[in-house]
C-alpha atoms as a PDB file:
ATOM      1  CA  UNK A   1     110.889 122.125  17.874  1.00  0.00           C
ATOM      2  CA  UNK A   2     111.350 118.499  16.934  1.00  0.00           C
ATOM      3  CA  UNK A   3     114.923 117.202  16.927  1.00  0.00           C
ATOM      4  CA  UNK A   4     116.586 113.865  16.327  1.00  0.00           C
ATOM      5  CA  UNK A   5     118.623 112.330  19.153  1.00  0.00           C
ATOM      6  CA  UNK A   6     122.359 112.977  19.266  1.00  0.00           C
ATOM      7  CA  UNK A   7     124.802 110.096  19.295  1.00  0.00           C
ATOM      8  CA  UNK A   8     128.482 110.162  20.158  1.00  0.00           C
ATOM      9  CA  UNK A   9     129.652 109.321  16.603  1.00  0.00           C
ATOM     10  CA  UNK A  10     127.519 112.096  15.126  1.00  0.00           C
ATOM     11  CA  UNK A  11     128.752 114.613  17.740  1.00  0.00           C
ATOM     12  CA  UNK A  12     132.332 113.631  16.994  1.00  0.00           C
ATOM     13  CA  UNK A  13     131.733 114.033  13.248  1.00  0.00           C
ATOM     14  CA  UNK A  14     130.196 117.500  13.774  1.00  0.00           C
ATOM     15  CA  UNK A  15     133.267 118.523  15.834  1.00  0.00           C
ATOM     16  CA  UNK A  16     135.618 117.179  13.168  1.00  0.00           C
ATOM     17  CA  UNK A  17     133.681 119.003  10.442  1.00  0.00           C
ATOM     18  CA  UNK A  18     133.843 122.277  12.418  1.00  0.00           C
ATOM     19  CA  UNK A  19     137.669 121.900  12.650  1.00  0.00           C
ATOM     20  CA  UNK A  20     137.824 121.173   8.918  1.00  0.00           C
ATOM     21  CA  UNK A  21     135.755 124.267   8.118  1.00  0.00           C
ATOM     22  CA  UNK A  22     137.995 126.388  10.326  1.00  0.00           C
ATOM     23  CA  UNK A  23     141.025 125.111   8.446  1.00  0.00           C
ATOM     24  CA  UNK A  24     139.400 125.946   5.139  1.00  0.00           C
ATOM     25  CA  UNK A  25     138.517 129.484   6.320  1.00  0.00           C
ATOM     26  CA  UNK A  26     142.091 129.931   7.550  1.00  0.00           C
ATOM     27  CA  UNK A  27     143.578 128.637   4.292  1.00  0.00           C
ATOM     28  CA  UNK A  28     141.341 130.979   2.299  1.00  0.00           C
ATOM     29  CA  UNK A  29     142.208 133.900   4.580  1.00  0.00           C
ATOM     30  CA  UNK A  30     138.526 134.299   5.489  1.00  0.00           C
ATOM     31  CA  UNK A  31     138.619 133.863   9.254  1.00  0.00           C
ATOM     32  CA  UNK A  32     136.324 136.553  10.663  1.00  0.00           C
ATOM     33  CA  UNK A  33     137.612 139.128  13.113  1.00  0.00           C
ATOM     34  CA  UNK A  34     141.094 138.343  14.490  1.00  0.00           C
ATOM     35  CA  UNK A  35     141.780 134.758  13.537  1.00  0.00           C
ATOM     36  CA  UNK A  36     145.052 134.758  15.419  1.00  0.00           C
ATOM     37  CA  UNK A  37     143.240 135.371  18.699  1.00  0.00           C
ATOM     38  CA  UNK A  38     142.563 132.089  20.529  1.00  0.00           C
ATOM     39  CA  UNK A  39     139.302 133.387  22.043  1.00  0.00           C
ATOM     40  CA  UNK A  40     138.015 134.332  18.587  1.00  0.00           C
ATOM     41  CA  UNK A  41     138.992 130.920  17.222  1.00  0.00           C
ATOM     42  CA  UNK A  42     137.198 129.098  20.093  1.00  0.00           C
ATOM     43  CA  UNK A  43     134.054 131.242  19.546  1.00  0.00           C
ATOM     44  CA  UNK A  44     134.093 130.500  15.821  1.00  0.00           C
ATOM     45  CA  UNK A  45     134.572 126.757  16.527  1.00  0.00           C
ATOM     46  CA  UNK A  46     131.604 126.822  18.925  1.00  0.00           C
ATOM     47  CA  UNK A  47     129.450 128.684  16.353  1.00  0.00           C
ATOM     48  CA  UNK A  48     130.336 126.112  13.658  1.00  0.00           C
ATOM     49  CA  UNK A  49     129.444 123.266  16.063  1.00  0.00           C
ATOM     50  CA  UNK A  50     126.108 124.935  16.934  1.00  0.00           C
ATOM     51  CA  UNK A  51     125.283 125.293  13.227  1.00  0.00           C
ATOM     52  CA  UNK A  52     126.314 121.708  12.557  1.00  0.00           C
ATOM     53  CA  UNK A  53     124.176 120.447  15.442  1.00  0.00           C
ATOM     54  CA  UNK A  54     121.170 122.476  14.207  1.00  0.00           C
ATOM     55  CA  UNK A  55     121.570 121.211  10.639  1.00  0.00           C
ATOM     56  CA  UNK A  56     121.719 117.622  11.850  1.00  0.00           C
ATOM     57  CA  UNK A  57     119.064 117.776  14.533  1.00  0.00           C
ATOM     58  CA  UNK A  58     116.204 120.048  13.547  1.00  0.00           C
ATOM     59  CA  UNK A  59     113.442 118.027  11.922  1.00  0.00           C
ATOM     60  CA  UNK A  60     110.450 120.385  12.397  1.00  0.00           C
ATOM     61  CA  UNK A  61     109.503 123.642  14.119  1.00  0.00           C
ATOM     62  CA  UNK A  62     106.495 125.782  14.863  1.00  0.00           C
ATOM     63  CA  UNK A  63     106.224 129.511  14.807  1.00  0.00           C
ATOM     64  CA  UNK A  64     109.452 130.246  12.925  1.00  0.00           C
ATOM     65  CA  UNK A  65     108.929 132.693  10.138  1.00  0.00           C
ATOM     66  CA  UNK A  66     109.766 135.951   8.444  1.00  0.00           C
ATOM     67  CA  UNK A  67     107.763 138.903   7.085  1.00  0.00           C
ATOM     68  CA  UNK A  68     106.165 136.580   4.489  1.00  0.00           C
ATOM     69  CA  UNK A  69     104.926 134.028   7.083  1.00  0.00           C
ATOM     70  CA  UNK A  70     106.086 130.698   8.375  1.00  0.00           C
ATOM     71  CA  UNK A  71     109.197 129.182   6.851  1.00  0.00           C
ATOM     72  CA  UNK A  72     109.772 125.472   6.190  1.00  0.00           C
ATOM     73  CA  UNK A  73     112.720 123.589   7.753  1.00  0.00           C
ATOM     74  CA  UNK A  74     115.483 123.535   5.145  1.00  0.00           C
ATOM     75  CA  UNK A  75     119.247 123.699   5.474  1.00  0.00           C
ATOM     76  CA  UNK A  76     119.126 127.342   4.272  1.00  0.00           C
ATOM     77  CA  UNK A  77     116.470 128.386   6.811  1.00  0.00           C
ATOM     78  CA  UNK A  78     118.263 126.579   9.627  1.00  0.00           C
ATOM     79  CA  UNK A  79     121.526 128.352   8.780  1.00  0.00           C
ATOM     80  CA  UNK A  80     119.741 131.698   8.524  1.00  0.00           C
ATOM     81  CA  UNK A  81     118.119 131.157  11.916  1.00  0.00           C
ATOM     82  CA  UNK A  82     121.314 130.143  13.634  1.00  0.00           C
ATOM     83  CA  UNK A  83     123.410 132.921  11.977  1.00  0.00           C
ATOM     84  CA  UNK A  84     120.793 135.641  12.409  1.00  0.00           C
ATOM     85  CA  UNK A  85     119.631 134.903  15.957  1.00  0.00           C
ATOM     86  CA  UNK A  86     122.712 134.501  18.218  1.00  0.00           C
ATOM     87  CA  UNK A  87     120.704 134.260  21.453  1.00  0.00           C
ATOM     88  CA  UNK A  88     118.398 131.625  19.969  1.00  0.00           C
ATOM     89  CA  UNK A  89     121.495 129.753  18.659  1.00  0.00           C
ATOM     90  CA  UNK A  90     123.011 129.726  22.149  1.00  0.00           C
ATOM     91  CA  UNK A  91     119.712 128.555  23.715  1.00  0.00           C
ATOM     92  CA  UNK A  92     119.484 125.768  21.120  1.00  0.00           C
ATOM     93  CA  UNK A  93     123.090 124.738  21.748  1.00  0.00           C
ATOM     94  CA  UNK A  94     122.607 124.471  25.501  1.00  0.00           C
ATOM     95  CA  UNK A  95     119.165 122.829  25.353  1.00  0.00           C
ATOM     96  CA  UNK A  96     120.202 120.260  22.772  1.00  0.00           C
ATOM     97  CA  UNK A  97     123.396 119.283  24.607  1.00  0.00           C
ATOM     98  CA  UNK A  98     121.852 119.459  28.089  1.00  0.00           C
ATOM     99  CA  UNK A  99     120.989 115.723  28.240  1.00  0.00           C
ATOM    100  CA  UNK A 100     124.607 114.867  27.435  1.00  0.00           C
ATOM    101  CA  UNK A 101     126.007 117.287  29.999  1.00  0.00           C
ATOM    102  CA  UNK A 102     123.568 115.953  32.609  1.00  0.00           C
ATOM    103  CA  UNK A 103     124.752 112.399  32.000  1.00  0.00           C
ATOM    104  CA  UNK A 104     128.358 113.592  32.303  1.00  0.00           C
ATOM    105  CA  UNK A 105     127.585 115.454  35.506  1.00  0.00           C
ATOM    106  CA  UNK A 106     125.832 112.391  36.971  1.00  0.00           C
ATOM    107  CA  UNK A 107     128.758 110.210  35.994  1.00  0.00           C
ATOM    108  CA  UNK A 108     131.182 112.532  37.729  1.00  0.00           C
ATOM    109  CA  UNK A 109     129.031 112.596  40.909  1.00  0.00           C
ATOM    110  CA  UNK A 110     128.976 108.809  41.029  1.00  0.00           C
ATOM    111  CA  UNK A 111     132.673 108.246  40.441  1.00  0.00           C
ATOM    112  CA  UNK A 112     134.260 105.290  42.200  1.00  0.00           C
ATOM    113  CA  UNK A 113     136.007 105.958  45.483  1.00  0.00           C
ATOM    114  CA  UNK A 114     139.815 106.303  45.234  1.00  0.00           C
ATOM    115  CA  UNK A 115     140.147 102.846  46.881  1.00  0.00           C
ATOM    116  CA  UNK A 116     137.941 101.376  44.187  1.00  0.00           C
ATOM    117  CA  UNK A 117     135.168 100.291  46.552  1.00  0.00           C
ATOM    118  CA  UNK A 118     132.251 101.895  44.709  1.00  0.00           C
ATOM    119  CA  UNK A 119     130.711 105.351  44.794  1.00  0.00           C
ATOM    120  CA  UNK A 120     132.338 107.773  47.171  1.00  0.00           C
ATOM    121  CA  UNK A 121     130.094 109.054  49.919  1.00  0.00           C
ATOM    122  CA  UNK A 122     130.061 112.486  51.505  1.00  0.00           C
ATOM    123  CA  UNK A 123     132.928 113.197  53.860  1.00  0.00           C
ATOM    124  CA  UNK A 124     131.501 113.658  57.334  1.00  0.00           C
ATOM    125  CA  UNK A 125     134.568 113.381  59.535  1.00  0.00           C
ATOM    126  CA  UNK A 126     137.059 116.123  60.147  1.00  0.00           C
ATOM    127  CA  UNK A 127     140.550 115.706  58.753  1.00  0.00           C
ATOM    128  CA  UNK A 128     142.985 113.916  61.043  1.00  0.00           C
ATOM    129  CA  UNK A 129     145.930 115.814  62.461  1.00  0.00           C
ATOM    130  CA  UNK A 130     148.989 115.550  60.345  1.00  0.00           C
ATOM    131  CA  UNK A 131     151.495 115.315  63.225  1.00  0.00           C
ATOM    132  CA  UNK A 132     151.225 113.140  66.282  1.00  0.00           C
ATOM    133  CA  UNK A 133     153.249 113.492  69.496  1.00  0.00           C
ATOM    134  CA  UNK A 134     154.685 110.269  70.704  1.00  0.00           C
ATOM    135  CA  UNK A 135     154.972 109.507  74.398  1.00  0.00           C
ATOM    136  CA  UNK A 136     158.555 109.559  75.688  1.00  0.00           C
ATOM    137  CA  UNK A 137     160.152 106.146  75.909  1.00  0.00           C
ATOM    138  CA  UNK A 138     161.810 105.208  79.183  1.00  0.00           C
ATOM    139  CA  UNK A 139     165.301 103.820  78.990  1.00  0.00           C
ATOM    140  CA  UNK A 140     165.350 100.060  79.600  1.00  0.00           C
ATOM    141  CA  UNK A 141     167.488  99.039  82.520  1.00  0.00           C
ATOM    142  CA  UNK A 142     168.025  95.406  83.329  1.00  0.00           C
ATOM    143  CA  UNK A 143     166.558  94.213  86.635  1.00  0.00           C
ATOM    144  CA  UNK A 144     168.984  92.688  89.076  1.00  0.00           C
ATOM    145  CA  UNK A 145     167.054  89.439  89.479  1.00  0.00           C
ATOM    146  CA  UNK A 146     166.046  88.960  85.882  1.00  0.00           C
ATOM    147  CA  UNK A 147     167.043  85.685  84.298  1.00  0.00           C
ATOM    148  CA  UNK A 148     169.262  85.828  81.249  1.00  0.00           C
ATOM    149  CA  UNK A 149     167.553  85.034  77.985  1.00  0.00           C
ATOM    150  CA  UNK A 150     167.672  81.378  76.978  1.00  0.00           C
ATOM    151  CA  UNK A 151     168.229  79.930  73.537  1.00  0.00           C
ATOM    152  CA  UNK A 152     167.156  76.458  74.510  1.00  0.00           C
ATOM    153  CA  UNK A 153     163.726  74.857  74.362  1.00  0.00           C
ATOM    154  CA  UNK A 154     162.652  72.728  77.334  1.00  0.00           C
END
């Protein structure tokens, strides 16, 4: 399958369009299943994003067909493929977004240290004890032959 690269603006537009389509379905009373259920809404949103990504990205494919033979890449055939093959749609979604999620994962692994001194390294030392016992302090008693403190400079 040949796909075009995904950019942040395009991904944001696809997400916005998915929300817009959900709003239209809701306004028309056509949300599938239980539209009041948050899990159902999230699944529908994800399905709309997957379809939007496929419509944007897929430029060419090999070996995709029906009973009549191979089918060309058109918006209608892309929609039919994504709607009719949920496992393939899920594989496409993950494979297409994987480079973005890998960059995000690498970014998180290389986050600056809390002190701002660069990338944080692996912690190799055990945690320090939270309480420390102080040694008892002896009471100070003046010595009999000690000179009194002086406020004058010689």
